[in-house]
Structure formats: structure tokens, C-alpha cells
Amino acid sequence: MTDIPALLRRTRRIALVGASAKPDRPSFGVMRFLLDRGYDVTPVNPGLAGQAIHGRRVVATLAEAAPLDLVDVFRRPQEAGAVAAEAARLGARAVWMQLGVRDEAAAARARAAGLEVVMDACPVIEWRRHSLPDRVDAP
């Protein structure tokens, strides 16, 4: 079981896979929340590559976002396995699958590769649930 507060405290660089420039999409709000907390977030979306979301340049591939601590997955569950495998190959320390995203087989492979895994959860909700400080770099 991943210690979510500890993971959020030690993470600095996040790749947000499935980032959207649409303000009504959950990934848009989660990215803003993470940036406001002091994380270095790189949005990943091949369809928006070269554009900017919240002032951050969108990249087409996870490899372009490396090096990473955590990969936040806003993709369909059937696509999570490939993202988790790529995260492991690139040396990420953790994979976070958003609300509604569960892939037990991908999670098992990621854990076997040494990654921490969070599934079916939102960092915004977890941040608030655990009463974490306003910024990741706060004491």
C-alpha cells in the first residue's frame, strides 16, 4: 500500500498524461492545483504538443517530460498499462491513476518494476483529505 501523503511530499516533477486545455476537464483543474502547490508539472498530450496549458509547454510523449518522479494518468483504464510501462522504463518513481482508472495487471507490473502505484484516486482530494500544507516545499 502506497503512503499517499509521503508520496505527495517527496514528489517534485510530475508528468500529467492526458492533459487538457479545456477548463471544464478534470486534468485542467488538477494540473492548476499541482502547479499552485509547487510541483514542476509537464503536460503530455500529442494532440496539443507545442501549445501551453497554465503556462507550461505541452509535450507529445512521456519521454519528453523526463526526468520524472510521478506520472499522473488521465487516460482510459485500458491505456494505463502502456503508460505505466513507459513510466517504469523512463525511471519514474510512481504512477498515479486518476479517479475511475484501475488496471490491476498494470499496477502489479509497475510495482514489480519498483514503482509506487496509486489507482482510482485524485491528488486534489487526497491532498485535502490528509490536510497537507499549502505547498509541497512547506515544512
N, C-alpha and C. Protein backbone atom coordinates (compact mmCIF):
# COMPACT_ATOMS: atom_id res chain seq x y z
N MET A 1 0.85 -1.19 0.00
CA MET A 1 0.00 0.00 0.00
C MET A 1 0.89 1.25 0.00
N THR A 2 0.61 2.13 -0.89
CA THR A 2 1.39 3.36 -1.00
C THR A 2 0.98 4.37 0.07
N ASP A 3 1.96 4.95 0.70
CA ASP A 3 1.72 6.02 1.67
C ASP A 3 1.53 7.31 0.86
N ILE A 4 0.28 7.67 0.61
CA ILE A 4 -0.03 8.79 -0.27
C ILE A 4 0.53 10.12 0.23
N PRO A 5 0.36 10.48 1.51
CA PRO A 5 0.94 11.76 1.96
C PRO A 5 2.46 11.80 1.76
N ALA A 6 3.15 10.71 2.06
CA ALA A 6 4.61 10.68 1.88
C ALA A 6 4.97 10.81 0.40
N LEU A 7 4.22 10.13 -0.45
CA LEU A 7 4.47 10.23 -1.89
C LEU A 7 4.29 11.66 -2.37
N LEU A 8 3.22 12.30 -1.95
CA LEU A 8 2.99 13.69 -2.37
C LEU A 8 4.04 14.65 -1.81
N ARG A 9 4.55 14.36 -0.63
CA ARG A 9 5.57 15.24 -0.03
C ARG A 9 6.92 15.13 -0.75
N ARG A 10 7.29 13.94 -1.17
CA ARG A 10 8.63 13.77 -1.76
C ARG A 10 8.65 13.96 -3.28
N THR A 11 7.50 14.02 -3.90
CA THR A 11 7.42 14.22 -5.35
C THR A 11 7.71 15.68 -5.69
N ARG A 12 8.43 15.89 -6.77
CA ARG A 12 8.68 17.25 -7.26
C ARG A 12 8.27 17.40 -8.73
N ARG A 13 8.69 16.44 -9.57
CA ARG A 13 8.42 16.52 -11.01
C ARG A 13 7.31 15.54 -11.39
N ILE A 14 6.28 16.08 -12.04
CA ILE A 14 5.12 15.28 -12.44
C ILE A 14 4.87 15.44 -13.93
N ALA A 15 4.64 14.31 -14.60
CA ALA A 15 4.15 14.34 -15.98
C ALA A 15 2.66 14.04 -15.91
N LEU A 16 1.84 14.90 -16.48
CA LEU A 16 0.40 14.73 -16.46
C LEU A 16 -0.03 14.25 -17.85
N VAL A 17 -0.26 12.94 -17.97
CA VAL A 17 -0.58 12.32 -19.25
C VAL A 17 -2.09 12.42 -19.50
N GLY A 18 -2.44 13.00 -20.64
CA GLY A 18 -3.84 13.23 -20.96
C GLY A 18 -4.27 14.63 -20.57
N ALA A 19 -3.31 15.53 -20.48
CA ALA A 19 -3.60 16.91 -20.12
C ALA A 19 -4.56 17.53 -21.13
N SER A 20 -5.44 18.39 -20.64
CA SER A 20 -6.40 19.07 -21.50
C SER A 20 -6.31 20.58 -21.30
N ALA A 21 -6.53 21.31 -22.38
CA ALA A 21 -6.57 22.77 -22.32
C ALA A 21 -7.98 23.28 -22.06
N LYS A 22 -8.93 22.35 -21.91
CA LYS A 22 -10.33 22.73 -21.67
C LYS A 22 -10.56 22.91 -20.18
N PRO A 23 -10.97 24.12 -19.76
CA PRO A 23 -11.15 24.39 -18.33
C PRO A 23 -12.16 23.49 -17.62
N ASP A 24 -13.08 22.88 -18.35
CA ASP A 24 -14.08 22.02 -17.72
C ASP A 24 -13.60 20.57 -17.54
N ARG A 25 -12.40 20.27 -18.00
CA ARG A 25 -11.87 18.90 -17.86
C ARG A 25 -11.12 18.75 -16.54
N PRO A 26 -11.29 17.61 -15.87
CA PRO A 26 -10.60 17.41 -14.58
C PRO A 26 -9.08 17.59 -14.66
N SER A 27 -8.46 17.15 -15.74
CA SER A 27 -7.00 17.27 -15.83
C SER A 27 -6.55 18.73 -15.80
N PHE A 28 -7.34 19.62 -16.35
CA PHE A 28 -7.02 21.05 -16.35
C PHE A 28 -6.97 21.58 -14.92
N GLY A 29 -7.99 21.26 -14.12
CA GLY A 29 -8.04 21.73 -12.74
C GLY A 29 -6.99 21.07 -11.86
N VAL A 30 -6.75 19.78 -12.05
CA VAL A 30 -5.74 19.08 -11.25
C VAL A 30 -4.36 19.65 -11.55
N MET A 31 -4.09 19.92 -12.82
CA MET A 31 -2.78 20.49 -13.16
C MET A 31 -2.59 21.85 -12.48
N ARG A 32 -3.61 22.70 -12.51
CA ARG A 32 -3.51 24.00 -11.84
C ARG A 32 -3.26 23.82 -10.34
N PHE A 33 -3.97 22.90 -9.72
CA PHE A 33 -3.81 22.63 -8.29
C PHE A 33 -2.37 22.20 -8.00
N LEU A 34 -1.83 21.29 -8.79
CA LEU A 34 -0.47 20.80 -8.56
C LEU A 34 0.57 21.91 -8.76
N LEU A 35 0.39 22.72 -9.79
CA LEU A 35 1.31 23.85 -10.00
C LEU A 35 1.25 24.82 -8.83
N ASP A 36 0.04 25.09 -8.36
CA ASP A 36 -0.13 26.01 -7.22
C ASP A 36 0.50 25.47 -5.95
N ARG A 37 0.69 24.17 -5.86
CA ARG A 37 1.31 23.55 -4.68
C ARG A 37 2.83 23.47 -4.81
N GLY A 38 3.37 23.94 -5.93
CA GLY A 38 4.82 23.98 -6.09
C GLY A 38 5.43 22.86 -6.90
N TYR A 39 4.61 22.00 -7.49
CA TYR A 39 5.14 20.93 -8.31
C TYR A 39 5.57 21.45 -9.68
N ASP A 40 6.56 20.80 -10.26
CA ASP A 40 7.00 21.05 -11.62
C ASP A 40 6.22 20.08 -12.50
N VAL A 41 5.16 20.56 -13.17
CA VAL A 41 4.25 19.71 -13.92
C VAL A 41 4.45 19.92 -15.42
N THR A 42 4.63 18.81 -16.13
CA THR A 42 4.72 18.85 -17.59
C THR A 42 3.49 18.17 -18.17
N PRO A 43 2.68 18.91 -18.94
CA PRO A 43 1.53 18.28 -19.57
C PRO A 43 1.95 17.45 -20.78
N VAL A 44 1.34 16.27 -20.90
CA VAL A 44 1.65 15.36 -22.01
C VAL A 44 0.36 15.09 -22.79
N ASN A 45 0.36 15.48 -24.07
CA ASN A 45 -0.78 15.23 -24.93
C ASN A 45 -0.31 15.46 -26.37
N PRO A 46 -0.19 14.40 -27.17
CA PRO A 46 0.32 14.57 -28.54
C PRO A 46 -0.52 15.51 -29.39
N GLY A 47 -1.82 15.58 -29.13
CA GLY A 47 -2.69 16.45 -29.91
C GLY A 47 -2.52 17.93 -29.60
N LEU A 48 -1.90 18.24 -28.47
CA LEU A 48 -1.69 19.64 -28.07
C LEU A 48 -0.21 20.01 -28.00
N ALA A 49 0.67 19.12 -28.43
CA ALA A 49 2.11 19.35 -28.32
C ALA A 49 2.50 20.70 -28.91
N GLY A 50 3.34 21.42 -28.16
CA GLY A 50 3.81 22.73 -28.57
C GLY A 50 2.95 23.87 -28.06
N GLN A 51 1.74 23.58 -27.65
CA GLN A 51 0.87 24.59 -27.06
C GLN A 51 1.21 24.73 -25.58
N ALA A 52 0.50 25.58 -24.88
CA ALA A 52 0.74 25.76 -23.45
C ALA A 52 -0.55 25.56 -22.67
N ILE A 53 -0.42 24.95 -21.50
CA ILE A 53 -1.51 24.83 -20.54
C ILE A 53 -0.97 25.40 -19.23
N HIS A 54 -1.65 26.37 -18.68
CA HIS A 54 -1.21 27.03 -17.45
C HIS A 54 0.25 27.50 -17.56
N GLY A 55 0.62 27.96 -18.76
CA GLY A 55 1.96 28.48 -18.98
C GLY A 55 3.04 27.42 -19.14
N ARG A 56 2.66 26.16 -19.15
CA ARG A 56 3.63 25.07 -19.31
C ARG A 56 3.50 24.47 -20.70
N ARG A 57 4.64 24.28 -21.38
CA ARG A 57 4.62 23.73 -22.74
C ARG A 57 4.20 22.28 -22.72
N VAL A 58 3.24 21.95 -23.58
CA VAL A 58 2.75 20.59 -23.72
C VAL A 58 3.72 19.80 -24.58
N VAL A 59 4.07 18.59 -24.13
CA VAL A 59 4.94 17.70 -24.92
C VAL A 59 4.10 16.53 -25.44
N ALA A 60 4.60 15.89 -26.49
CA ALA A 60 3.86 14.82 -27.15
C ALA A 60 4.02 13.47 -26.47
N THR A 61 5.17 13.26 -25.83
CA THR A 61 5.45 11.93 -25.26
C THR A 61 5.93 12.03 -23.82
N LEU A 62 5.77 10.95 -23.13
CA LEU A 62 6.25 10.88 -21.74
C LEU A 62 7.76 11.04 -21.69
N ALA A 63 8.46 10.51 -22.67
CA ALA A 63 9.92 10.63 -22.71
C ALA A 63 10.36 12.09 -22.74
N GLU A 64 9.60 12.94 -23.40
CA GLU A 64 9.94 14.37 -23.47
C GLU A 64 9.76 15.06 -22.12
N ALA A 65 9.00 14.46 -21.23
CA ALA A 65 8.75 15.05 -19.91
C ALA A 65 9.79 14.61 -18.88
N ALA A 66 10.58 13.61 -19.21
CA ALA A 66 11.58 13.07 -18.27
C ALA A 66 12.68 14.10 -18.00
N PRO A 67 13.33 14.00 -16.83
CA PRO A 67 13.17 13.01 -15.77
C PRO A 67 11.93 13.31 -14.91
N LEU A 68 11.37 12.27 -14.33
CA LEU A 68 10.12 12.39 -13.59
C LEU A 68 10.19 11.70 -12.24
N ASP A 69 9.36 12.18 -11.35
CA ASP A 69 9.13 11.47 -10.10
C ASP A 69 7.85 10.66 -10.20
N LEU A 70 6.80 11.31 -10.73
CA LEU A 70 5.47 10.71 -10.74
C LEU A 70 4.81 10.96 -12.08
N VAL A 71 4.08 9.95 -12.56
CA VAL A 71 3.30 10.07 -13.78
C VAL A 71 1.83 10.00 -13.39
N ASP A 72 1.10 11.08 -13.64
CA ASP A 72 -0.32 11.18 -13.32
C ASP A 72 -1.10 10.85 -14.59
N VAL A 73 -1.92 9.79 -14.54
CA VAL A 73 -2.55 9.24 -15.74
C VAL A 73 -4.03 9.62 -15.84
N PHE A 74 -4.32 10.47 -16.81
CA PHE A 74 -5.70 10.83 -17.16
C PHE A 74 -6.03 10.18 -18.49
N ARG A 75 -6.04 8.88 -18.52
CA ARG A 75 -6.34 8.11 -19.73
C ARG A 75 -7.32 7.01 -19.36
N ARG A 76 -7.92 6.38 -20.36
CA ARG A 76 -8.83 5.27 -20.12
C ARG A 76 -8.07 4.12 -19.45
N PRO A 77 -8.77 3.34 -18.62
CA PRO A 77 -8.09 2.22 -17.93
C PRO A 77 -7.32 1.30 -18.88
N GLN A 78 -7.84 1.04 -20.05
CA GLN A 78 -7.16 0.14 -20.99
C GLN A 78 -5.86 0.73 -21.54
N GLU A 79 -5.65 2.03 -21.36
CA GLU A 79 -4.42 2.68 -21.81
C GLU A 79 -3.41 2.87 -20.68
N ALA A 80 -3.84 2.62 -19.46
CA ALA A 80 -2.98 2.87 -18.30
C ALA A 80 -1.75 1.96 -18.27
N GLY A 81 -1.91 0.73 -18.72
CA GLY A 81 -0.79 -0.22 -18.70
C GLY A 81 0.40 0.25 -19.52
N ALA A 82 0.13 0.75 -20.71
CA ALA A 82 1.22 1.23 -21.57
C ALA A 82 1.90 2.44 -20.94
N VAL A 83 1.11 3.32 -20.33
CA VAL A 83 1.69 4.50 -19.67
C VAL A 83 2.55 4.08 -18.49
N ALA A 84 2.04 3.13 -17.69
CA ALA A 84 2.80 2.66 -16.53
C ALA A 84 4.11 1.99 -16.97
N ALA A 85 4.06 1.20 -18.03
CA ALA A 85 5.27 0.54 -18.53
C ALA A 85 6.30 1.57 -19.00
N GLU A 86 5.83 2.59 -19.69
CA GLU A 86 6.74 3.66 -20.16
C GLU A 86 7.31 4.43 -18.97
N ALA A 87 6.49 4.67 -17.96
CA ALA A 87 6.97 5.37 -16.76
C ALA A 87 8.09 4.57 -16.10
N ALA A 88 7.91 3.26 -16.00
CA ALA A 88 8.94 2.41 -15.41
C ALA A 88 10.22 2.45 -16.25
N ARG A 89 10.07 2.36 -17.56
CA ARG A 89 11.23 2.39 -18.46
C ARG A 89 12.00 3.69 -18.34
N LEU A 90 11.30 4.79 -18.09
CA LEU A 90 11.93 6.10 -18.00
C LEU A 90 12.47 6.42 -16.60
N GLY A 91 12.26 5.52 -15.65
CA GLY A 91 12.81 5.72 -14.32
C GLY A 91 11.95 6.52 -13.37
N ALA A 92 10.66 6.66 -13.67
CA ALA A 92 9.76 7.34 -12.73
C ALA A 92 9.70 6.52 -11.44
N ARG A 93 9.35 7.19 -10.36
CA ARG A 93 9.25 6.51 -9.08
C ARG A 93 7.84 6.06 -8.76
N ALA A 94 6.84 6.69 -9.41
CA ALA A 94 5.45 6.38 -9.08
C ALA A 94 4.54 6.63 -10.27
N VAL A 95 3.43 5.88 -10.27
CA VAL A 95 2.36 6.06 -11.24
C VAL A 95 1.08 6.32 -10.46
N TRP A 96 0.36 7.36 -10.85
CA TRP A 96 -0.89 7.72 -10.19
C TRP A 96 -1.99 7.64 -11.24
N MET A 97 -2.93 6.72 -11.06
CA MET A 97 -4.05 6.58 -11.97
C MET A 97 -5.25 7.31 -11.36
N GLN A 98 -5.81 8.22 -12.12
CA GLN A 98 -6.87 9.10 -11.63
C GLN A 98 -8.16 8.36 -11.31
N LEU A 99 -9.12 9.09 -10.75
CA LEU A 99 -10.42 8.52 -10.42
C LEU A 99 -11.00 7.77 -11.62
N GLY A 100 -11.46 6.57 -11.37
CA GLY A 100 -12.03 5.75 -12.43
C GLY A 100 -11.02 4.96 -13.22
N VAL A 101 -9.75 5.14 -12.96
CA VAL A 101 -8.70 4.44 -13.71
C VAL A 101 -8.10 3.36 -12.82
N ARG A 102 -8.41 2.11 -13.17
CA ARG A 102 -7.88 0.95 -12.44
C ARG A 102 -7.39 -0.08 -13.46
N ASP A 103 -6.21 -0.57 -13.26
CA ASP A 103 -5.67 -1.67 -14.06
C ASP A 103 -4.76 -2.46 -13.13
N GLU A 104 -5.33 -3.51 -12.53
CA GLU A 104 -4.59 -4.30 -11.55
C GLU A 104 -3.34 -4.94 -12.15
N ALA A 105 -3.43 -5.43 -13.37
CA ALA A 105 -2.27 -6.06 -14.01
C ALA A 105 -1.16 -5.04 -14.23
N ALA A 106 -1.52 -3.85 -14.71
CA ALA A 106 -0.52 -2.80 -14.92
C ALA A 106 0.09 -2.38 -13.59
N ALA A 107 -0.75 -2.29 -12.56
CA ALA A 107 -0.24 -1.92 -11.24
C ALA A 107 0.74 -2.97 -10.72
N ALA A 108 0.43 -4.23 -10.90
CA ALA A 108 1.33 -5.29 -10.45
C ALA A 108 2.67 -5.22 -11.19
N ARG A 109 2.61 -4.99 -12.49
CA ARG A 109 3.87 -4.88 -13.27
C ARG A 109 4.67 -3.66 -12.82
N ALA A 110 4.00 -2.55 -12.58
CA ALA A 110 4.69 -1.34 -12.14
C ALA A 110 5.33 -1.56 -10.77
N ARG A 111 4.60 -2.19 -9.86
CA ARG A 111 5.17 -2.48 -8.53
C ARG A 111 6.36 -3.43 -8.65
N ALA A 112 6.26 -4.41 -9.52
CA ALA A 112 7.37 -5.34 -9.73
C ALA A 112 8.60 -4.63 -10.27
N ALA A 113 8.38 -3.54 -10.99
CA ALA A 113 9.49 -2.74 -11.53
C ALA A 113 10.00 -1.72 -10.52
N GLY A 114 9.40 -1.72 -9.32
CA GLY A 114 9.87 -0.85 -8.25
C GLY A 114 9.13 0.47 -8.11
N LEU A 115 8.05 0.66 -8.84
CA LEU A 115 7.28 1.90 -8.75
C LEU A 115 6.22 1.81 -7.66
N GLU A 116 5.93 2.95 -7.06
CA GLU A 116 4.76 3.06 -6.20
C GLU A 116 3.57 3.28 -7.11
N VAL A 117 2.40 2.78 -6.69
CA VAL A 117 1.21 2.88 -7.53
C VAL A 117 0.03 3.36 -6.69
N VAL A 118 -0.68 4.32 -7.24
CA VAL A 118 -1.96 4.78 -6.68
C VAL A 118 -2.97 4.63 -7.81
N MET A 119 -4.12 4.03 -7.50
CA MET A 119 -5.16 3.85 -8.51
C MET A 119 -6.48 4.43 -8.02
N ASP A 120 -7.27 4.89 -8.99
CA ASP A 120 -8.63 5.34 -8.73
C ASP A 120 -8.67 6.40 -7.63
N ALA A 121 -7.78 7.38 -7.75
CA ALA A 121 -7.70 8.44 -6.73
C ALA A 121 -7.30 9.75 -7.41
N CYS A 122 -7.60 10.84 -6.73
CA CYS A 122 -7.28 12.17 -7.23
C CYS A 122 -6.33 12.85 -6.25
N PRO A 123 -5.21 13.41 -6.72
CA PRO A 123 -4.29 14.07 -5.79
C PRO A 123 -4.91 15.27 -5.08
N VAL A 124 -5.85 15.95 -5.72
CA VAL A 124 -6.50 17.10 -5.07
C VAL A 124 -7.30 16.61 -3.86
N ILE A 125 -8.08 15.57 -4.07
CA ILE A 125 -8.89 15.02 -2.98
C ILE A 125 -7.99 14.48 -1.88
N GLU A 126 -6.95 13.75 -2.24
CA GLU A 126 -6.04 13.16 -1.25
C GLU A 126 -5.29 14.25 -0.49
N TRP A 127 -4.89 15.31 -1.19
CA TRP A 127 -4.18 16.43 -0.54
C TRP A 127 -5.04 17.00 0.58
N ARG A 128 -6.30 17.24 0.24
CA ARG A 128 -7.22 17.83 1.22
C ARG A 128 -7.58 16.83 2.32
N ARG A 129 -7.78 15.59 1.96
CA ARG A 129 -8.14 14.56 2.94
C ARG A 129 -7.07 14.39 4.00
N HIS A 130 -5.81 14.53 3.58
CA HIS A 130 -4.68 14.36 4.51
C HIS A 130 -4.20 15.69 5.10
N SER A 131 -4.93 16.77 4.80
CA SER A 131 -4.59 18.10 5.33
C SER A 131 -3.12 18.46 5.13
N LEU A 132 -2.64 18.28 3.91
CA LEU A 132 -1.25 18.61 3.59
C LEU A 132 -1.09 20.13 3.52
N PRO A 133 0.15 20.63 3.63
CA PRO A 133 0.38 22.08 3.64
C PRO A 133 0.04 22.72 2.30
N ASP A 134 0.00 24.04 2.28
CA ASP A 134 -0.37 24.76 1.06
C ASP A 134 0.58 24.50 -0.10
N ARG A 135 1.84 24.22 0.23
CA ARG A 135 2.84 23.97 -0.82
C ARG A 135 3.65 22.73 -0.46
N VAL A 136 4.08 22.05 -1.50
CA VAL A 136 4.85 20.82 -1.32
C VAL A 136 6.18 21.09 -0.62
N ASP A 137 6.72 22.27 -0.78
CA ASP A 137 8.01 22.59 -0.18
C ASP A 137 7.86 23.22 1.20
N ALA A 138 6.64 23.28 1.73
CA ALA A 138 6.42 23.81 3.09
C ALA A 138 6.80 22.76 4.11
N PRO A 139 7.18 23.19 5.30
CA PRO A 139 7.57 22.21 6.33
C PRO A 139 6.40 21.37 6.80
